[in-house]
Amino acid sequence: DVIGNPLGESGGSFIQQLTIIAFGSLAASTPYLGVFLFGIIGLWMKSSVSLAKEFEERASMLAKETAKQEPEASEKVQA
């Protein structure tokens, strides 16, 4: 958050300035900025889905490991 937020804001401003310079005005560059925005949103959604899958896999592995360790712990208590 400390690095990513300011970097994202300055990166967005840089891209906007480049498109304004390239196309001459904000009105002329708006469609291209929209395409870029929707592309970033698509990448963000893809990353979120990928992260959710990875989280679910690791959570299920952790649950399986915990389930294996619980019978061992109860055997030690009974002994």
PDB file of N, CA and C in Angstrom:
ATOM      1  N   ASP A   1       0.826  -1.203   0.000  1.00  0.00           N
ATOM      2  CA  ASP A   1       0.000   0.000   0.000  1.00  0.00           C
ATOM      3  C   ASP A   1       0.862   1.256   0.000  1.00  0.00           C
ATOM      4  N   VAL A   2       1.968   1.210   0.708  1.00  0.00           N
ATOM      5  CA  VAL A   2       2.817   2.400   0.816  1.00  0.00           C
ATOM      6  C   VAL A   2       3.452   2.730  -0.529  1.00  0.00           C
ATOM      7  N   ILE A   3       3.867   1.714  -1.273  1.00  0.00           N
ATOM      8  CA  ILE A   3       4.520   1.947  -2.559  1.00  0.00           C
ATOM      9  C   ILE A   3       3.521   1.852  -3.709  1.00  0.00           C
ATOM     10  N   GLY A   4       2.624   0.884  -3.647  1.00  0.00           N
ATOM     11  CA  GLY A   4       1.720   0.622  -4.760  1.00  0.00           C
ATOM     12  C   GLY A   4       0.743   1.748  -5.053  1.00  0.00           C
ATOM     13  N   ASN A   5       0.164   2.340  -4.011  1.00  0.00           N
ATOM     14  CA  ASN A   5      -0.837   3.387  -4.228  1.00  0.00           C
ATOM     15  C   ASN A   5      -0.243   4.617  -4.921  1.00  0.00           C
ATOM     16  N   PRO A   6       0.835   5.211  -4.416  1.00  0.00           N
ATOM     17  CA  PRO A   6       1.401   6.365  -5.118  1.00  0.00           C
ATOM     18  C   PRO A   6       1.927   6.011  -6.515  1.00  0.00           C
ATOM     19  N   LEU A   7       2.474   4.821  -6.663  1.00  0.00           N
ATOM     20  CA  LEU A   7       2.977   4.392  -7.968  1.00  0.00           C
ATOM     21  C   LEU A   7       1.830   4.262  -8.967  1.00  0.00           C
ATOM     22  N   GLY A   8       0.705   3.726  -8.519  1.00  0.00           N
ATOM     23  CA  GLY A   8      -0.456   3.600  -9.387  1.00  0.00           C
ATOM     24  C   GLY A   8      -1.018   4.951  -9.793  1.00  0.00           C
ATOM     25  N   GLU A   9      -1.077   5.869  -8.841  1.00  0.00           N
ATOM     26  CA  GLU A   9      -1.595   7.204  -9.153  1.00  0.00           C
ATOM     27  C   GLU A   9      -0.682   7.938 -10.133  1.00  0.00           C
ATOM     28  N   SER A  10       0.617   7.908  -9.885  1.00  0.00           N
ATOM     29  CA  SER A  10       1.531   8.614 -10.783  1.00  0.00           C
ATOM     30  C   SER A  10       1.595   7.918 -12.145  1.00  0.00           C
ATOM     31  N   GLY A  11       1.484   6.585 -12.157  1.00  0.00           N
ATOM     32  CA  GLY A  11       1.467   5.856 -13.428  1.00  0.00           C
ATOM     33  C   GLY A  11       0.237   6.199 -14.248  1.00  0.00           C
ATOM     34  N   GLY A  12      -0.908   6.297 -13.586  1.00  0.00           N
ATOM     35  CA  GLY A  12      -2.135   6.673 -14.286  1.00  0.00           C
ATOM     36  C   GLY A  12      -2.058   8.082 -14.846  1.00  0.00           C
ATOM     37  N   SER A  13      -1.495   8.993 -14.072  1.00  0.00           N
ATOM     38  CA  SER A  13      -1.328  10.371 -14.551  1.00  0.00           C
ATOM     39  C   SER A  13      -0.389  10.423 -15.749  1.00  0.00           C
ATOM     40  N   PHE A  14       0.668   9.637 -15.693  1.00  0.00           N
ATOM     41  CA  PHE A  14       1.632   9.600 -16.797  1.00  0.00           C
ATOM     42  C   PHE A  14       0.975   9.099 -18.080  1.00  0.00           C
ATOM     43  N   ILE A  15       0.198   8.027 -17.953  1.00  0.00           N
ATOM     44  CA  ILE A  15      -0.494   7.479 -19.125  1.00  0.00           C
ATOM     45  C   ILE A  15      -1.487   8.495 -19.675  1.00  0.00           C
ATOM     46  N   GLN A  16      -2.207   9.170 -18.790  1.00  0.00           N
ATOM     47  CA  GLN A  16      -3.167  10.172 -19.241  1.00  0.00           C
ATOM     48  C   GLN A  16      -2.468  11.323 -19.959  1.00  0.00           C
ATOM     49  N   GLN A  17      -1.360  11.774 -19.418  1.00  0.00           N
ATOM     50  CA  GLN A  17      -0.614  12.859 -20.056  1.00  0.00           C
ATOM     51  C   GLN A  17      -0.088  12.449 -21.426  1.00  0.00           C
ATOM     52  N   LEU A  18       0.410  11.216 -21.532  1.00  0.00           N
ATOM     53  CA  LEU A  18       0.909  10.741 -22.831  1.00  0.00           C
ATOM     54  C   LEU A  18      -0.193  10.694 -23.878  1.00  0.00           C
ATOM     55  N   THR A  19      -1.382  10.210 -23.472  1.00  0.00           N
ATOM     56  CA  THR A  19      -2.468  10.138 -24.450  1.00  0.00           C
ATOM     57  C   THR A  19      -2.957  11.528 -24.840  1.00  0.00           C
ATOM     58  N   ILE A  20      -2.974  12.464 -23.897  1.00  0.00           N
ATOM     59  CA  ILE A  20      -3.378  13.839 -24.229  1.00  0.00           C
ATOM     60  C   ILE A  20      -2.382  14.452 -25.208  1.00  0.00           C
ATOM     61  N   ILE A  21      -1.109  14.237 -24.970  1.00  0.00           N
ATOM     62  CA  ILE A  21      -0.079  14.762 -25.881  1.00  0.00           C
ATOM     63  C   ILE A  21      -0.198  14.088 -27.252  1.00  0.00           C
ATOM     64  N   ALA A  22      -0.416  12.778 -27.256  1.00  0.00           N
ATOM     65  CA  ALA A  22      -0.479  12.043 -28.524  1.00  0.00           C
ATOM     66  C   ALA A  22      -1.721  12.396 -29.346  1.00  0.00           C
ATOM     67  N   PHE A  23      -2.858  12.616 -28.680  1.00  0.00           N
ATOM     68  CA  PHE A  23      -4.108  12.838 -29.404  1.00  0.00           C
ATOM     69  C   PHE A  23      -4.561  14.299 -29.404  1.00  0.00           C
ATOM     70  N   GLY A  24      -3.882  15.164 -28.696  1.00  0.00           N
ATOM     71  CA  GLY A  24      -4.147  16.598 -28.771  1.00  0.00           C
ATOM     72  C   GLY A  24      -5.099  17.158 -27.742  1.00  0.00           C
ATOM     73  N   SER A  25      -5.996  16.356 -27.209  1.00  0.00           N
ATOM     74  CA  SER A  25      -6.921  16.870 -26.195  1.00  0.00           C
ATOM     75  C   SER A  25      -7.432  15.716 -25.344  1.00  0.00           C
ATOM     76  N   LEU A  26      -8.021  16.085 -24.218  1.00  0.00           N
ATOM     77  CA  LEU A  26      -8.586  15.068 -23.328  1.00  0.00           C
ATOM     78  C   LEU A  26      -9.776  14.387 -23.995  1.00  0.00           C
ATOM     79  N   ALA A  27     -10.583  15.160 -24.689  1.00  0.00           N
ATOM     80  CA  ALA A  27     -11.755  14.593 -25.365  1.00  0.00           C
ATOM     81  C   ALA A  27     -11.347  13.570 -26.429  1.00  0.00           C
ATOM     82  N   ALA A  28     -10.280  13.838 -27.159  1.00  0.00           N
ATOM     83  CA  ALA A  28      -9.828  12.917 -28.202  1.00  0.00           C
ATOM     84  C   ALA A  28      -9.174  11.665 -27.609  1.00  0.00           C
ATOM     85  N   SER A  29      -8.582  11.789 -26.433  1.00  0.00           N
ATOM     86  CA  SER A  29      -7.874  10.653 -25.831  1.00  0.00           C
ATOM     87  C   SER A  29      -8.768   9.793 -24.932  1.00  0.00           C
ATOM     88  N   THR A  30      -9.963  10.272 -24.619  1.00  0.00           N
ATOM     89  CA  THR A  30     -10.849   9.555 -23.692  1.00  0.00           C
ATOM     90  C   THR A  30     -11.179   8.128 -24.138  1.00  0.00           C
ATOM     91  N   PRO A  31     -11.521   7.871 -25.383  1.00  0.00           N
ATOM     92  CA  PRO A  31     -11.806   6.474 -25.760  1.00  0.00           C
ATOM     93  C   PRO A  31     -10.617   5.540 -25.538  1.00  0.00           C
ATOM     94  N   TYR A  32      -9.429   6.017 -25.793  1.00  0.00           N
ATOM     95  CA  TYR A  32      -8.232   5.191 -25.603  1.00  0.00           C
ATOM     96  C   TYR A  32      -7.956   4.968 -24.114  1.00  0.00           C
ATOM     97  N   LEU A  33      -8.208   5.989 -23.314  1.00  0.00           N
ATOM     98  CA  LEU A  33      -8.058   5.826 -21.872  1.00  0.00           C
ATOM     99  C   LEU A  33      -9.092   4.830 -21.336  1.00  0.00           C
ATOM    100  N   GLY A  34     -10.297   4.848 -21.922  1.00  0.00           N
ATOM    101  CA  GLY A  34     -11.327   3.886 -21.528  1.00  0.00           C
ATOM    102  C   GLY A  34     -10.920   2.452 -21.828  1.00  0.00           C
ATOM    103  N   VAL A  35     -10.347   2.240 -23.016  1.00  0.00           N
ATOM    104  CA  VAL A  35      -9.867   0.898 -23.384  1.00  0.00           C
ATOM    105  C   VAL A  35      -8.781   0.454 -22.409  1.00  0.00           C
ATOM    106  N   PHE A  36      -7.868   1.356 -22.092  1.00  0.00           N
ATOM    107  CA  PHE A  36      -6.796   1.030 -21.156  1.00  0.00           C
ATOM    108  C   PHE A  36      -7.376   0.711 -19.773  1.00  0.00           C
ATOM    109  N   LEU A  37      -8.345   1.498 -19.330  1.00  0.00           N
ATOM    110  CA  LEU A  37      -8.977   1.276 -18.029  1.00  0.00           C
ATOM    111  C   LEU A  37      -9.645  -0.089 -17.965  1.00  0.00           C
ATOM    112  N   PHE A  38     -10.425  -0.430 -19.003  1.00  0.00           N
ATOM    113  CA  PHE A  38     -11.095  -1.727 -19.007  1.00  0.00           C
ATOM    114  C   PHE A  38     -10.089  -2.874 -19.101  1.00  0.00           C
ATOM    115  N   GLY A  39      -8.970  -2.655 -19.767  1.00  0.00           N
ATOM    116  CA  GLY A  39      -7.915  -3.669 -19.795  1.00  0.00           C
ATOM    117  C   GLY A  39      -7.328  -3.910 -18.409  1.00  0.00           C
ATOM    118  N   ILE A  40      -7.073  -2.828 -17.687  1.00  0.00           N
ATOM    119  CA  ILE A  40      -6.545  -2.950 -16.313  1.00  0.00           C
ATOM    120  C   ILE A  40      -7.565  -3.633 -15.412  1.00  0.00           C
ATOM    121  N   ILE A  41      -8.845  -3.281 -15.557  1.00  0.00           N
ATOM    122  CA  ILE A  41      -9.891  -3.918 -14.753  1.00  0.00           C
ATOM    123  C   ILE A  41      -9.951  -5.413 -15.053  1.00  0.00           C
ATOM    124  N   GLY A  42      -9.831  -5.788 -16.325  1.00  0.00           N
ATOM    125  CA  GLY A  42      -9.826  -7.205 -16.695  1.00  0.00           C
ATOM    126  C   GLY A  42      -8.647  -7.953 -16.083  1.00  0.00           C
ATOM    127  N   LEU A  43      -7.475  -7.343 -16.125  1.00  0.00           N
ATOM    128  CA  LEU A  43      -6.299  -7.971 -15.495  1.00  0.00           C
ATOM    129  C   LEU A  43      -6.475  -8.096 -13.990  1.00  0.00           C
ATOM    130  N   TRP A  44      -7.071  -7.084 -13.384  1.00  0.00           N
ATOM    131  CA  TRP A  44      -7.301  -7.125 -11.935  1.00  0.00           C
ATOM    132  C   TRP A  44      -8.265  -8.251 -11.581  1.00  0.00           C
ATOM    133  N   MET A  45      -9.332  -8.407 -12.368  1.00  0.00           N
ATOM    134  CA  MET A  45     -10.297  -9.480 -12.103  1.00  0.00           C
ATOM    135  C   MET A  45      -9.657 -10.849 -12.282  1.00  0.00           C
ATOM    136  N   LYS A  46      -8.842 -11.006 -13.326  1.00  0.00           N
ATOM    137  CA  LYS A  46      -8.153 -12.280 -13.561  1.00  0.00           C
ATOM    138  C   LYS A  46      -7.207 -12.597 -12.400  1.00  0.00           C
ATOM    139  N   SER A  47      -6.510 -11.590 -11.915  1.00  0.00           N
ATOM    140  CA  SER A  47      -5.602 -11.785 -10.790  1.00  0.00           C
ATOM    141  C   SER A  47      -6.363 -12.152  -9.527  1.00  0.00           C
ATOM    142  N   SER A  48      -7.514 -11.536  -9.321  1.00  0.00           N
ATOM    143  CA  SER A  48      -8.326 -11.843  -8.138  1.00  0.00           C
ATOM    144  C   SER A  48      -8.818 -13.279  -8.161  1.00  0.00           C
ATOM    145  N   VAL A  49      -9.259 -13.745  -9.315  1.00  0.00           N
ATOM    146  CA  VAL A  49      -9.726 -15.129  -9.441  1.00  0.00           C
ATOM    147  C   VAL A  49      -8.570 -16.097  -9.209  1.00  0.00           C
ATOM    148  N   SER A  50      -7.415 -15.778  -9.768  1.00  0.00           N
ATOM    149  CA  SER A  50      -6.240 -16.631  -9.583  1.00  0.00           C
ATOM    150  C   SER A  50      -5.818 -16.680  -8.116  1.00  0.00           C
ATOM    151  N   LEU A  51      -5.845 -15.541  -7.464  1.00  0.00           N
ATOM    152  CA  LEU A  51      -5.489 -15.489  -6.046  1.00  0.00           C
ATOM    153  C   LEU A  51      -6.487 -16.263  -5.197  1.00  0.00           C
ATOM    154  N   ALA A  52      -7.767 -16.187  -5.541  1.00  0.00           N
ATOM    155  CA  ALA A  52      -8.798 -16.928  -4.802  1.00  0.00           C
ATOM    156  C   ALA A  52      -8.580 -18.432  -4.933  1.00  0.00           C
ATOM    157  N   LYS A  53      -8.243 -18.896  -6.143  1.00  0.00           N
ATOM    158  CA  LYS A  53      -7.977 -20.324  -6.341  1.00  0.00           C
ATOM    159  C   LYS A  53      -6.773 -20.770  -5.520  1.00  0.00           C
ATOM    160  N   GLU A  54      -5.718 -19.963  -5.544  1.00  0.00           N
ATOM    161  CA  GLU A  54      -4.518 -20.303  -4.780  1.00  0.00           C
ATOM    162  C   GLU A  54      -4.814 -20.321  -3.282  1.00  0.00           C
ATOM    163  N   PHE A  55      -5.606 -19.381  -2.822  1.00  0.00           N
ATOM    164  CA  PHE A  55      -5.969 -19.339  -1.409  1.00  0.00           C
ATOM    165  C   PHE A  55      -6.768 -20.569  -1.018  1.00  0.00           C
ATOM    166  N   GLU A  56      -7.736 -20.955  -1.853  1.00  0.00           N
ATOM    167  CA  GLU A  56      -8.557 -22.132  -1.556  1.00  0.00           C
ATOM    168  C   GLU A  56      -7.706 -23.400  -1.519  1.00  0.00           C
ATOM    169  N   GLU A  57      -6.751 -23.528  -2.445  1.00  0.00           N
ATOM    170  CA  GLU A  57      -5.880 -24.698  -2.459  1.00  0.00           C
ATOM    171  C   GLU A  57      -5.049 -24.777  -1.180  1.00  0.00           C
ATOM    172  N   ARG A  58      -4.481 -23.653  -0.792  1.00  0.00           N
ATOM    173  CA  ARG A  58      -3.657 -23.652   0.413  1.00  0.00           C
ATOM    174  C   ARG A  58      -4.491 -23.855   1.668  1.00  0.00           C
ATOM    175  N   ALA A  59      -5.689 -23.314   1.684  1.00  0.00           N
ATOM    176  CA  ALA A  59      -6.561 -23.500   2.843  1.00  0.00           C
ATOM    177  C   ALA A  59      -6.959 -24.964   2.977  1.00  0.00           C
ATOM    178  N   SER A  60      -7.239 -25.639   1.853  1.00  0.00           N
ATOM    179  CA  SER A  60      -7.598 -27.054   1.923  1.00  0.00           C
ATOM    180  C   SER A  60      -6.400 -27.901   2.339  1.00  0.00           C
ATOM    181  N   MET A  61      -5.183 -27.545   1.870  1.00  0.00           N
ATOM    182  CA  MET A  61      -3.985 -28.268   2.305  1.00  0.00           C
ATOM    183  C   MET A  61      -3.765 -28.106   3.805  1.00  0.00           C
ATOM    184  N   LEU A  62      -3.960 -26.903   4.294  1.00  0.00           N
ATOM    185  CA  LEU A  62      -3.789 -26.646   5.718  1.00  0.00           C
ATOM    186  C   LEU A  62      -4.829 -27.414   6.533  1.00  0.00           C
ATOM    187  N   ALA A  63      -6.057 -27.488   6.042  1.00  0.00           N
ATOM    188  CA  ALA A  63      -7.105 -28.234   6.741  1.00  0.00           C
ATOM    189  C   ALA A  63      -6.765 -29.721   6.782  1.00  0.00           C
ATOM    190  N   LYS A  64      -6.224 -30.245   5.670  1.00  0.00           N
ATOM    191  CA  LYS A  64      -5.842 -31.663   5.648  1.00  0.00           C
ATOM    192  C   LYS A  64      -4.698 -31.929   6.619  1.00  0.00           C
ATOM    193  N   GLU A  65      -3.712 -31.034   6.670  1.00  0.00           N
ATOM    194  CA  GLU A  65      -2.591 -31.202   7.587  1.00  0.00           C
ATOM    195  C   GLU A  65      -3.060 -31.127   9.031  1.00  0.00           C
ATOM    196  N   THR A  66      -3.971 -30.233   9.311  1.00  0.00           N
ATOM    197  CA  THR A  66      -4.504 -30.089  10.664  1.00  0.00           C
ATOM    198  C   THR A  66      -5.291 -31.333  11.054  1.00  0.00           C
ATOM    199  N   ALA A  67      -6.050 -31.887  10.113  1.00  0.00           N
ATOM    200  CA  ALA A  67      -6.822 -33.094  10.384  1.00  0.00           C
ATOM    201  C   ALA A  67      -5.900 -34.284  10.658  1.00  0.00           C
ATOM    202  N   LYS A  68      -4.760 -34.354   9.981  1.00  0.00           N
ATOM    203  CA  LYS A  68      -3.807 -35.435  10.221  1.00  0.00           C
ATOM    204  C   LYS A  68      -3.158 -35.295  11.593  1.00  0.00           C
ATOM    205  N   GLN A  69      -2.897 -34.077  12.020  1.00  0.00           N
ATOM    206  CA  GLN A  69      -2.205 -33.843  13.287  1.00  0.00           C
ATOM    207  C   GLN A  69      -3.125 -34.008  14.491  1.00  0.00           C
ATOM    208  N   GLU A  70      -4.415 -33.784  14.339  1.00  0.00           N
ATOM    209  CA  GLU A  70      -5.336 -33.890  15.481  1.00  0.00           C
ATOM    210  C   GLU A  70      -5.396 -35.289  16.057  1.00  0.00           C
ATOM    211  N   PRO A  71      -5.493 -36.375  15.258  1.00  0.00           N
ATOM    212  CA  PRO A  71      -5.497 -37.706  15.865  1.00  0.00           C
ATOM    213  C   PRO A  71      -4.183 -37.993  16.606  1.00  0.00           C
ATOM    214  N   GLU A  72      -3.069 -37.519  16.103  1.00  0.00           N
ATOM    215  CA  GLU A  72      -1.787 -37.722  16.778  1.00  0.00           C
ATOM    216  C   GLU A  72      -1.779 -37.027  18.132  1.00  0.00           C
ATOM    217  N   ALA A  73      -2.337 -35.837  18.200  1.00  0.00           N
ATOM    218  CA  ALA A  73      -2.360 -35.086  19.446  1.00  0.00           C
ATOM    219  C   ALA A  73      -3.265 -35.778  20.464  1.00  0.00           C
ATOM    220  N   SER A  74      -4.402 -36.321  20.034  1.00  0.00           N
ATOM    221  CA  SER A  74      -5.311 -36.977  20.965  1.00  0.00           C
ATOM    222  C   SER A  74      -4.716 -38.299  21.465  1.00  0.00           C
ATOM    223  N   GLU A  75      -3.914 -38.982  20.631  1.00  0.00           N
ATOM    224  CA  GLU A  75      -3.247 -40.212  21.067  1.00  0.00           C
ATOM    225  C   GLU A  75      -2.225 -39.919  22.152  1.00  0.00           C
ATOM    226  N   LYS A  76      -1.510 -38.802  22.034  1.00  0.00           N
ATOM    227  CA  LYS A  76      -0.523 -38.430  23.034  1.00  0.00           C
ATOM    228  C   LYS A  76      -1.175 -38.089  24.362  1.00  0.00           C
ATOM    229  N   VAL A  77      -2.330 -37.478  24.321  1.00  0.00           N
ATOM    230  CA  VAL A  77      -3.042 -37.106  25.548  1.00  0.00           C
ATOM    231  C   VAL A  77      -3.534 -38.350  26.250  1.00  0.00           C
ATOM    232  N   GLN A  78      -4.001 -39.338  25.503  1.00  0.00           N
ATOM    233  CA  GLN A  78      -4.517 -40.568  26.107  1.00  0.00           C
ATOM    234  C   GLN A  78      -3.403 -41.416  26.678  1.00  0.00           C
ATOM    235  N   ALA A  79      -2.214 -41.337  26.154  1.00  0.00           N
ATOM    236  CA  ALA A  79      -1.100 -42.163  26.620  1.00  0.00           C
ATOM    237  C   ALA A  79      -0.586 -41.635  27.892  1.00  0.00           C
TER     238      ALA A  79
END
